[in-house]
């Protein structure tokens, strides 16, 4: 694990402490796939925090603020980039499995199977406050079948369609519900999968909705024109393994959907410009165990895995070719959730990546991407990646030897 940046300040709360390992000669780490004197990517862990409130389930970033949800009923609020603590939002229920931030609005899901809406202030002089809880109690009086309004199990994921102010919630009760934020009512509810719904994503360009599930499928939904209901337009299924996360990468010239599976693979589909269909483009291999979380920004993808690592992938513009630029290796347990945002300067493109693991740590990574002087060919990349996989087995920190042995046995059986 790398030394935190000298600018990092300890949080005011005693529930978090900074972990400071021995100082290396340089805080920046070269990508394992680029050992030339001019690497295309450098990364650095600028902060590592330990949490006493249990596992962190969710992270969201918006307008220079980072939000984290955990087993606790408190949603922690941090300043970017190094995550100095700004305070917290207190709810009446814990297990904040999903967080979504948009503008001044924050949505959180809780153990009581309800969603809370918050008005979040960027200014430290103004207090953030809760707007409402969904479903509202008054809604139960209007509709006799109150169970149709509230999820019956853990709400695992959130997505927000900006253009129409619609909030999508996916649950382990196999359903997806749609909430109209303007009047705080349930807009639609439908059974989406045969097992837990693990992720939901909305394409902001056309309102198309993507869901994935432990049943091994990814589904594409569209809202029926002029109605509140949604209809299934396509089912994508390429393996029986549970699908844990989704990420959508959109640009004027392309739209690529990524799905993370428990078999360690990341499948991706590219949208045809003419027909609008999603064609399977292949899969990204590198993680040894289940991929639990995904984030896509422009043509970069960040994946967190049960194998304790985070991988940074880049897709070549105008093609389906991907390359793993870096492996962020610092957690000592499965990486449970990720969030990321752009950090630009005059010379290079950069990212801030926030990760939380079952090892109870919350880490902040700074990544700098330099223009590549020359492209690596596919054969060299595959050879380098194979060599890197062998090395990772030897040096990667893990929970315990028995845990690794069990996972390797399971992967061999399947």
Protein backbone atom coordinates (compact mmCIF):
# COMPACT_ATOMS: atom_id res chain seq x y z
CA UNK A 1 0.00 0.00 0.00
CA UNK A 2 1.32 3.42 -0.92
CA UNK A 3 1.88 6.37 1.38
CA UNK A 4 -0.96 8.89 1.61
CA UNK A 5 -0.32 12.31 0.13
CA UNK A 6 1.21 14.87 2.48
CA UNK A 7 -1.84 17.09 1.99
CA UNK A 8 -4.15 14.49 3.54
CA UNK A 9 -5.72 15.56 6.85
CA UNK A 10 -7.05 13.24 9.48
CA UNK A 11 -10.83 13.30 9.78
CA UNK A 12 -12.33 14.99 12.79
CA UNK A 13 -14.38 11.96 13.74
CA UNK A 14 -12.75 9.32 15.97
CA UNK A 15 -14.54 6.63 13.93
CA UNK A 16 -12.00 7.05 11.11
CA UNK A 17 -8.20 6.92 11.33
CA UNK A 18 -5.47 7.33 8.73
CA UNK A 19 -3.28 4.38 7.87
CA UNK A 20 0.28 5.48 7.07
CA UNK A 21 2.63 2.75 5.80
CA UNK A 22 6.41 3.12 5.39
CA UNK A 23 7.32 5.76 2.84
CA UNK A 24 8.47 4.48 -0.56
CA UNK A 25 11.05 6.31 -2.65
CA UNK A 26 8.28 7.69 -4.89
CA UNK A 27 4.53 7.76 -4.22
CA UNK A 28 3.63 7.21 -7.88
CA UNK A 29 3.31 3.68 -9.23
CA UNK A 30 3.81 2.67 -12.86
CA UNK A 31 1.21 0.61 -14.62
CA UNK A 32 2.27 -3.08 -14.56
CA UNK A 33 1.55 -3.36 -18.29
CA UNK A 34 3.77 -0.40 -19.21
CA UNK A 35 7.33 -0.79 -18.01
CA UNK A 36 8.87 1.59 -20.55
CA UNK A 37 10.43 4.90 -19.37
CA UNK A 38 7.34 6.76 -20.70
CA UNK A 39 4.30 5.01 -19.15
CA UNK A 40 0.83 6.05 -20.22
CA UNK A 41 -0.62 5.83 -16.72
CA UNK A 42 0.53 6.57 -13.18
CA UNK A 43 -1.47 5.96 -10.02
CA UNK A 44 -1.11 6.86 -6.37
CA UNK A 45 -3.13 6.09 -3.23
CA UNK A 46 -3.55 9.53 -1.64
CA UNK A 47 -5.63 8.44 1.36
CA UNK A 48 -6.51 5.27 3.21
CA UNK A 49 -9.12 5.43 5.95
CA UNK A 50 -10.25 2.77 8.37
CA UNK A 51 -13.91 2.66 9.38
CA UNK A 52 -15.30 1.40 12.70
CA UNK A 53 -18.95 1.56 11.60
CA UNK A 54 -18.85 -1.64 9.58
CA UNK A 55 -18.75 -2.37 5.86
CA UNK A 56 -19.10 0.53 3.41
CA UNK A 57 -21.76 -0.48 0.88
CA UNK A 58 -22.02 2.59 -1.35
CA UNK A 59 -20.14 5.67 -2.57
CA UNK A 60 -21.31 8.70 -4.57
CA UNK A 61 -19.47 11.81 -5.80
CA UNK A 62 -21.04 15.14 -6.73
CA UNK A 63 -19.88 18.78 -6.87
CA UNK A 64 -16.69 18.24 -4.90
CA UNK A 65 -18.40 16.17 -2.19
CA UNK A 66 -18.10 12.43 -1.50
CA UNK A 67 -20.86 10.46 0.27
CA UNK A 68 -20.43 7.02 1.81
CA UNK A 69 -23.12 4.66 3.11
CA UNK A 70 -22.44 1.76 5.45
CA UNK A 71 -24.04 -0.56 7.99
CA UNK A 72 -24.53 2.53 10.15
CA UNK A 73 -27.54 4.85 9.86
CA UNK A 74 -25.16 7.78 9.22
CA UNK A 75 -24.27 8.84 5.69
CA UNK A 76 -20.76 10.29 5.89
CA UNK A 77 -19.94 13.46 3.94
CA UNK A 78 -16.35 14.19 2.79
CA UNK A 79 -14.51 16.92 0.92
CA UNK A 80 -12.70 16.04 -2.29
CA UNK A 81 -10.08 15.03 -3.09
CA UNK A 82 -8.42 13.60 0.05
CA UNK A 83 -11.67 12.94 1.96
CA UNK A 84 -11.46 15.15 5.02
CA UNK A 85 -14.71 14.72 6.90
CA UNK A 86 -17.43 17.38 6.57
CA UNK A 87 -20.08 15.80 8.76
CA UNK A 88 -22.88 13.29 8.28
CA UNK A 89 -26.56 12.85 7.51
CA UNK A 90 -28.48 10.92 10.15
CA UNK A 91 -31.27 8.57 9.14
CA UNK A 92 -33.54 6.41 11.30
CA UNK A 93 -32.47 3.22 9.50
CA UNK A 94 -29.06 1.85 8.53
CA UNK A 95 -27.56 -0.47 5.90
CA UNK A 96 -27.27 2.20 3.22
CA UNK A 97 -26.84 -0.15 0.26
CA UNK A 98 -27.08 2.44 -2.52
CA UNK A 99 -26.39 6.18 -2.87
CA UNK A 100 -27.05 8.43 -5.86
CA UNK A 101 -26.17 12.13 -6.06
CA UNK A 102 -27.44 14.56 -8.70
CA UNK A 103 -27.06 18.30 -8.33
CA UNK A 104 -28.26 19.25 -4.86
CA UNK A 105 -30.29 16.03 -4.51
CA UNK A 106 -29.10 12.89 -2.75
CA UNK A 107 -30.97 9.57 -2.75
CA UNK A 108 -30.17 6.80 -0.24
CA UNK A 109 -31.65 3.33 0.37
CA UNK A 110 -32.00 1.75 3.81
CA UNK A 111 -32.64 -1.45 5.74
CA UNK A 112 -36.31 -0.54 6.20
CA UNK A 113 -36.75 -0.95 2.40
CA UNK A 114 -37.36 2.77 1.93
CA UNK A 115 -35.65 5.53 -0.05
CA UNK A 116 -34.70 8.86 1.49
CA UNK A 117 -34.33 12.10 -0.47
CA UNK A 118 -31.97 14.78 0.83
CA UNK A 119 -31.25 18.37 -0.13
CA UNK A 120 -27.47 18.61 0.13
CA UNK A 121 -25.68 21.94 0.45
CA UNK A 122 -22.19 22.48 -0.96
CA UNK A 123 -21.65 25.43 1.38
CA UNK A 124 -20.53 24.57 4.89
CA UNK A 125 -22.62 27.47 6.23
CA UNK A 126 -25.87 25.83 5.14
CA UNK A 127 -27.17 22.59 6.59
CA UNK A 128 -28.26 19.65 4.48
CA UNK A 129 -31.69 18.26 5.28
CA UNK A 130 -33.99 15.37 4.46
CA UNK A 131 -36.78 16.20 2.00
CA UNK A 132 -38.90 13.07 2.27
CA UNK A 133 -39.03 9.28 2.59
CA UNK A 134 -40.36 7.11 -0.24
CA UNK A 135 -42.96 5.76 -0.20
CA UNK A 136 -44.65 8.47 1.85
CA UNK A 137 -47.12 7.46 4.53
CA UNK A 138 -49.87 9.46 2.83
CA UNK A 139 -49.50 7.22 -0.24
CA UNK A 140 -50.56 4.17 1.79
CA UNK A 141 -53.92 5.82 2.47
CA UNK A 142 -54.59 6.37 -1.23
CA UNK A 143 -53.91 2.84 -2.50
CA UNK A 144 -55.27 -0.22 -0.60
CA UNK A 145 -52.51 -2.56 -1.82
CA UNK A 146 -49.75 -0.75 0.03
CA UNK A 147 -47.27 -3.57 -0.61
CA UNK A 148 -47.21 -2.59 -4.28
CA UNK A 149 -45.68 0.76 -3.32
CA UNK A 150 -42.85 -0.47 -1.11
CA UNK A 151 -40.07 -2.92 -1.90
CA UNK A 152 -40.28 -6.13 0.13
CA UNK A 153 -36.52 -6.72 0.37
CA UNK A 154 -33.21 -4.85 0.26
CA UNK A 155 -33.07 -2.00 -2.29
CA UNK A 156 -29.73 -2.73 -3.92
CA UNK A 157 -29.40 -0.05 -6.62
CA UNK A 158 -30.52 3.36 -7.87
CA UNK A 159 -30.56 5.22 -11.19
CA UNK A 160 -31.92 8.65 -12.09
CA UNK A 161 -33.23 9.78 -15.48
CA UNK A 162 -32.43 13.48 -15.50
CA UNK A 163 -34.65 14.59 -18.40
CA UNK A 164 -37.91 13.39 -16.82
CA UNK A 165 -37.02 13.36 -13.13
CA UNK A 166 -37.57 9.60 -12.73
CA UNK A 167 -35.82 7.59 -10.01
CA UNK A 168 -35.37 3.84 -10.65
CA UNK A 169 -34.87 1.46 -7.71
CA UNK A 170 -33.89 -2.21 -8.02
CA UNK A 171 -34.37 -4.71 -5.22
CA UNK A 172 -33.66 -8.23 -4.06
CA UNK A 173 -37.43 -8.73 -4.27
CA UNK A 174 -36.81 -9.08 -8.06
CA UNK A 175 -38.68 -5.87 -8.93
CA UNK A 176 -37.83 -2.44 -10.28
CA UNK A 177 -39.87 0.56 -9.19
CA UNK A 178 -40.00 3.97 -10.83
CA UNK A 179 -40.57 7.10 -8.74
CA UNK A 180 -41.53 10.53 -10.07
CA UNK A 181 -39.43 12.93 -8.02
CA UNK A 182 -41.64 15.98 -8.69
CA UNK A 183 -44.65 14.60 -6.80
CA UNK A 184 -42.78 11.84 -4.93
CA UNK A 185 -45.05 9.05 -6.16
CA UNK A 186 -44.43 5.54 -7.45
CA UNK A 187 -44.73 5.88 -11.23
CA UNK A 188 -44.40 2.19 -12.22
CA UNK A 189 -43.47 -1.19 -10.73
CA UNK A 190 -42.57 -4.40 -12.56
CA UNK A 191 -40.95 -7.79 -11.94
CA UNK A 192 -37.65 -7.50 -13.77
CA UNK A 193 -35.81 -10.76 -13.06
CA UNK A 194 -36.07 -14.24 -11.59
CA UNK A 195 -33.58 -13.40 -8.82
CA UNK A 196 -32.08 -10.38 -7.03
CA UNK A 197 -31.82 -7.18 -9.08
CA UNK A 198 -28.23 -6.06 -8.50
CA UNK A 199 -27.86 -2.96 -10.69
CA UNK A 200 -29.89 -0.54 -12.78
CA UNK A 201 -28.53 2.03 -15.25
CA UNK A 202 -30.29 4.63 -17.42
CA UNK A 203 -29.04 5.95 -20.76
CA UNK A 204 -29.48 9.72 -20.39
CA UNK A 205 -29.60 10.13 -24.19
CA UNK A 206 -32.78 8.10 -24.78
CA UNK A 207 -34.14 6.94 -21.41
CA UNK A 208 -33.34 3.28 -22.08
CA UNK A 209 -33.07 1.26 -18.82
CA UNK A 210 -30.63 -1.61 -18.18
CA UNK A 211 -30.92 -4.08 -15.30
CA UNK A 212 -28.86 -7.07 -14.19
CA UNK A 213 -29.49 -9.89 -11.77
CA UNK A 214 -28.16 -12.90 -9.90
CA UNK A 215 -30.13 -14.95 -12.42
CA UNK A 216 -27.24 -14.31 -14.86
CA UNK A 217 -29.08 -11.99 -17.25
CA UNK A 218 -28.91 -8.37 -18.36
CA UNK A 219 -32.18 -6.87 -19.60
CA UNK A 220 -33.02 -3.77 -21.59
CA UNK A 221 -36.28 -1.92 -20.93
CA UNK A 222 -38.07 0.99 -22.56
CA UNK A 223 -40.92 3.09 -21.31
CA UNK A 224 -44.08 2.62 -23.38
CA UNK A 225 -44.77 5.80 -25.33
CA UNK A 226 -47.41 7.94 -23.62
CA UNK A 227 -47.74 5.55 -20.67
CA UNK A 228 -46.12 4.97 -17.29
CA UNK A 229 -45.36 1.27 -17.89
CA UNK A 230 -42.08 -0.22 -19.13
CA UNK A 231 -41.63 -3.07 -21.60
CA UNK A 232 -38.77 -5.55 -22.08
CA UNK A 233 -37.00 -5.05 -25.40
CA UNK A 234 -34.00 -7.39 -25.14
CA UNK A 235 -32.39 -9.97 -22.83
CA UNK A 236 -28.61 -10.36 -22.88
CA UNK A 237 -27.33 -13.61 -21.39
CA UNK A 238 -23.94 -15.13 -22.14
CA UNK A 239 -23.15 -17.06 -18.94
CA UNK A 240 -25.02 -18.66 -16.02
CA UNK A 241 -22.91 -16.70 -13.53
CA UNK A 242 -24.63 -13.96 -11.44
CA UNK A 243 -24.25 -10.43 -12.85
CA UNK A 244 -23.28 -8.03 -10.07
CA UNK A 245 -22.84 -4.61 -11.68
CA UNK A 246 -23.40 -2.53 -14.83
CA UNK A 247 -21.75 0.52 -16.35
CA UNK A 248 -22.65 2.50 -19.46
CA UNK A 249 -20.14 4.43 -21.56
CA UNK A 250 -21.73 6.93 -23.96
CA UNK A 251 -20.30 9.44 -26.41
CA UNK A 252 -21.55 11.09 -29.62
CA UNK A 253 -20.04 8.21 -31.61
CA UNK A 254 -20.60 5.16 -29.40
CA UNK A 255 -22.60 3.52 -26.63
CA UNK A 256 -21.08 0.55 -24.80
CA UNK A 257 -22.67 -1.43 -21.97
CA UNK A 258 -20.45 -3.33 -19.49
CA UNK A 259 -21.58 -6.07 -17.09
CA UNK A 260 -19.57 -7.56 -14.22
CA UNK A 261 -20.00 -11.25 -13.40
CA UNK A 262 -19.17 -13.58 -10.54
CA UNK A 263 -17.02 -15.67 -12.90
CA UNK A 264 -14.47 -12.81 -13.01
CA UNK A 265 -15.37 -11.65 -16.53
CA UNK A 266 -16.61 -8.28 -17.73
CA UNK A 267 -18.84 -8.66 -20.79
CA UNK A 268 -19.49 -5.70 -23.06
CA UNK A 269 -22.02 -4.88 -25.75
CA UNK A 270 -21.87 -2.13 -28.37
CA UNK A 271 -24.97 -0.38 -29.67
CA UNK A 272 -25.56 -0.41 -33.42
CA UNK A 273 -26.14 3.11 -34.73
CA UNK A 274 -28.76 2.11 -37.28
CA UNK A 275 -30.84 -0.56 -35.51
CA UNK A 276 -30.21 0.44 -31.90
CA UNK A 277 -29.52 -3.20 -31.00
CA UNK A 278 -26.73 -4.14 -28.60
CA UNK A 279 -24.25 -6.64 -30.05
CA UNK A 280 -21.90 -8.64 -27.85
CA UNK A 281 -18.39 -7.31 -28.40
CA UNK A 282 -16.46 -9.68 -26.15
CA UNK A 283 -15.28 -9.77 -22.56
CA UNK A 284 -12.44 -8.41 -20.44
CA UNK A 285 -10.42 -10.98 -18.52
CA UNK A 286 -7.96 -10.30 -15.74
CA UNK A 287 -9.75 -10.56 -12.42
CA UNK A 288 -9.38 -13.95 -10.71
CA UNK A 289 -12.62 -13.92 -8.72
CA UNK A 290 -16.01 -12.18 -8.92
CA UNK A 291 -16.19 -8.61 -10.24
CA UNK A 292 -18.40 -6.74 -7.76
CA UNK A 293 -18.49 -3.14 -9.03
CA UNK A 294 -17.98 -1.09 -12.20
CA UNK A 295 -17.62 2.57 -13.17
CA UNK A 296 -17.32 3.92 -16.73
CA UNK A 297 -16.12 7.43 -17.63
CA UNK A 298 -15.71 8.24 -21.32
CA UNK A 299 -13.62 5.37 -22.74
CA UNK A 300 -12.21 4.26 -19.36
CA UNK A 301 -13.64 1.52 -17.15
CA UNK A 302 -12.81 0.84 -13.49
CA UNK A 303 -13.61 -2.60 -12.03
CA UNK A 304 -13.43 -3.75 -8.42
CA UNK A 305 -13.18 -7.43 -7.56
CA UNK A 306 -13.38 -10.07 -4.90
CA UNK A 307 -9.69 -10.70 -5.69
CA UNK A 308 -8.98 -7.40 -3.76
CA UNK A 309 -7.80 -5.43 -6.82
CA UNK A 310 -9.13 -2.58 -8.95
CA UNK A 311 -8.38 -2.65 -12.67
CA UNK A 312 -8.28 0.32 -15.02
CA UNK A 313 -9.30 -0.49 -18.60
CA UNK A 314 -9.18 1.71 -21.69
CA UNK A 315 -11.16 1.19 -24.88
CA UNK A 316 -9.60 2.43 -28.12
CA UNK A 317 -11.75 5.06 -29.77
CA UNK A 318 -13.87 3.61 -32.56
CA UNK A 319 -13.10 -0.04 -31.77
CA UNK A 320 -13.89 -2.88 -29.38
CA UNK A 321 -10.25 -3.30 -28.37
CA UNK A 322 -9.61 -2.84 -24.63
CA UNK A 323 -6.36 -2.83 -22.68
CA UNK A 324 -5.79 -3.04 -18.93
CA UNK A 325 -3.69 0.00 -18.09
CA UNK A 326 -3.21 -0.61 -14.38
CA UNK A 327 -3.97 -2.82 -11.40
CA UNK A 328 -4.57 -0.86 -8.18
CA UNK A 329 -3.42 -3.21 -5.47
CA UNK A 330 -3.87 -2.00 -1.90
CA UNK A 331 -6.98 -3.50 -0.34
CA UNK A 332 -6.80 -6.68 1.72
CA UNK A 333 -10.35 -7.83 1.10
CA UNK A 334 -12.93 -7.87 -1.74
CA UNK A 335 -13.55 -4.45 -3.27
CA UNK A 336 -17.24 -3.87 -2.57
CA UNK A 337 -17.95 -0.50 -4.25
CA UNK A 338 -16.37 2.16 -6.44
CA UNK A 339 -16.97 5.71 -7.58
CA UNK A 340 -14.85 7.92 -9.84
CA UNK A 341 -14.71 11.38 -11.38
CA UNK A 342 -12.55 13.29 -13.83
CA UNK A 343 -9.71 15.46 -12.57
CA UNK A 344 -8.29 17.49 -15.46
CA UNK A 345 -5.21 19.67 -15.60
CA UNK A 346 -3.38 21.47 -18.43
CA UNK A 347 -1.13 18.55 -19.38
CA UNK A 348 -2.85 15.22 -18.68
CA UNK A 349 -6.24 13.65 -18.05
CA UNK A 350 -6.73 12.46 -14.51
CA UNK A 351 -9.22 10.60 -12.33
CA UNK A 352 -10.03 10.40 -8.65
CA UNK A 353 -11.18 6.88 -7.78
CA UNK A 354 -12.85 6.07 -4.46
CA UNK A 355 -12.99 2.45 -3.31
CA UNK A 356 -14.32 0.57 -0.29
CA UNK A 357 -13.52 -2.99 0.68
CA UNK A 358 -14.70 -5.69 3.05
CA UNK A 359 -11.34 -5.14 4.80
CA UNK A 360 -13.14 -2.09 6.32
CA UNK A 361 -10.94 0.47 4.50
CA UNK A 362 -11.93 3.38 2.27
CA UNK A 363 -9.26 4.46 -0.21
CA UNK A 364 -8.74 7.40 -2.55
CA UNK A 365 -6.62 6.93 -5.69
CA UNK A 366 -5.28 9.63 -7.99
CA UNK A 367 -4.68 8.50 -11.57
CA UNK A 368 -2.90 10.41 -14.34
CA UNK A 369 -3.21 9.28 -17.97
CA UNK A 370 -0.63 10.51 -20.46
CA UNK A 371 -1.02 10.43 -24.26
CA UNK A 372 0.39 7.18 -25.61
CA UNK A 373 3.42 7.56 -27.84
CA UNK A 374 2.70 4.28 -29.57
CA UNK A 375 -0.04 1.66 -29.42
CA UNK A 376 0.65 -1.77 -28.03
CA UNK A 377 -0.30 -4.62 -30.30
CA UNK A 378 -2.73 -7.25 -29.04
CA UNK A 379 -0.19 -10.11 -28.86
CA UNK A 380 2.24 -8.15 -26.66
CA UNK A 381 -0.61 -7.06 -24.40
CA UNK A 382 -1.85 -10.61 -23.89
CA UNK A 383 1.65 -11.89 -23.09
CA UNK A 384 2.23 -9.08 -20.61
CA UNK A 385 -1.16 -9.64 -18.98
CA UNK A 386 -0.51 -13.38 -18.57
CA UNK A 387 2.83 -12.63 -16.92
CA UNK A 388 1.15 -10.09 -14.67
CA UNK A 389 -1.55 -12.60 -13.59
CA UNK A 390 1.13 -15.01 -12.36
CA UNK A 391 2.84 -12.23 -10.42
CA UNK A 392 -0.44 -11.16 -8.78
CA UNK A 393 -1.03 -14.61 -7.31
CA UNK A 394 2.27 -14.31 -5.46
CA UNK A 395 2.10 -10.72 -4.12
CA UNK A 396 -1.58 -9.82 -3.85
CA UNK A 397 -2.79 -9.25 -0.24
CA UNK A 398 -5.75 -11.45 0.64
CA UNK A 399 -8.03 -12.23 3.55
CA UNK A 400 -6.51 -15.64 4.29
CA UNK A 401 -4.77 -18.54 2.49
CA UNK A 402 -7.79 -20.80 3.09
CA UNK A 403 -10.08 -18.22 1.46
CA UNK A 404 -7.93 -18.13 -1.68
CA UNK A 405 -7.64 -21.91 -1.80
CA UNK A 406 -11.43 -22.28 -1.56
CA UNK A 407 -12.03 -19.73 -4.34
CA UNK A 408 -9.49 -21.43 -6.61
CA UNK A 409 -11.15 -24.79 -6.03
CA UNK A 410 -14.56 -23.30 -6.84
CA UNK A 411 -13.28 -21.78 -10.07
CA UNK A 412 -11.76 -25.11 -11.14
CA UNK A 413 -15.04 -26.93 -10.49
CA UNK A 414 -16.91 -24.50 -12.73
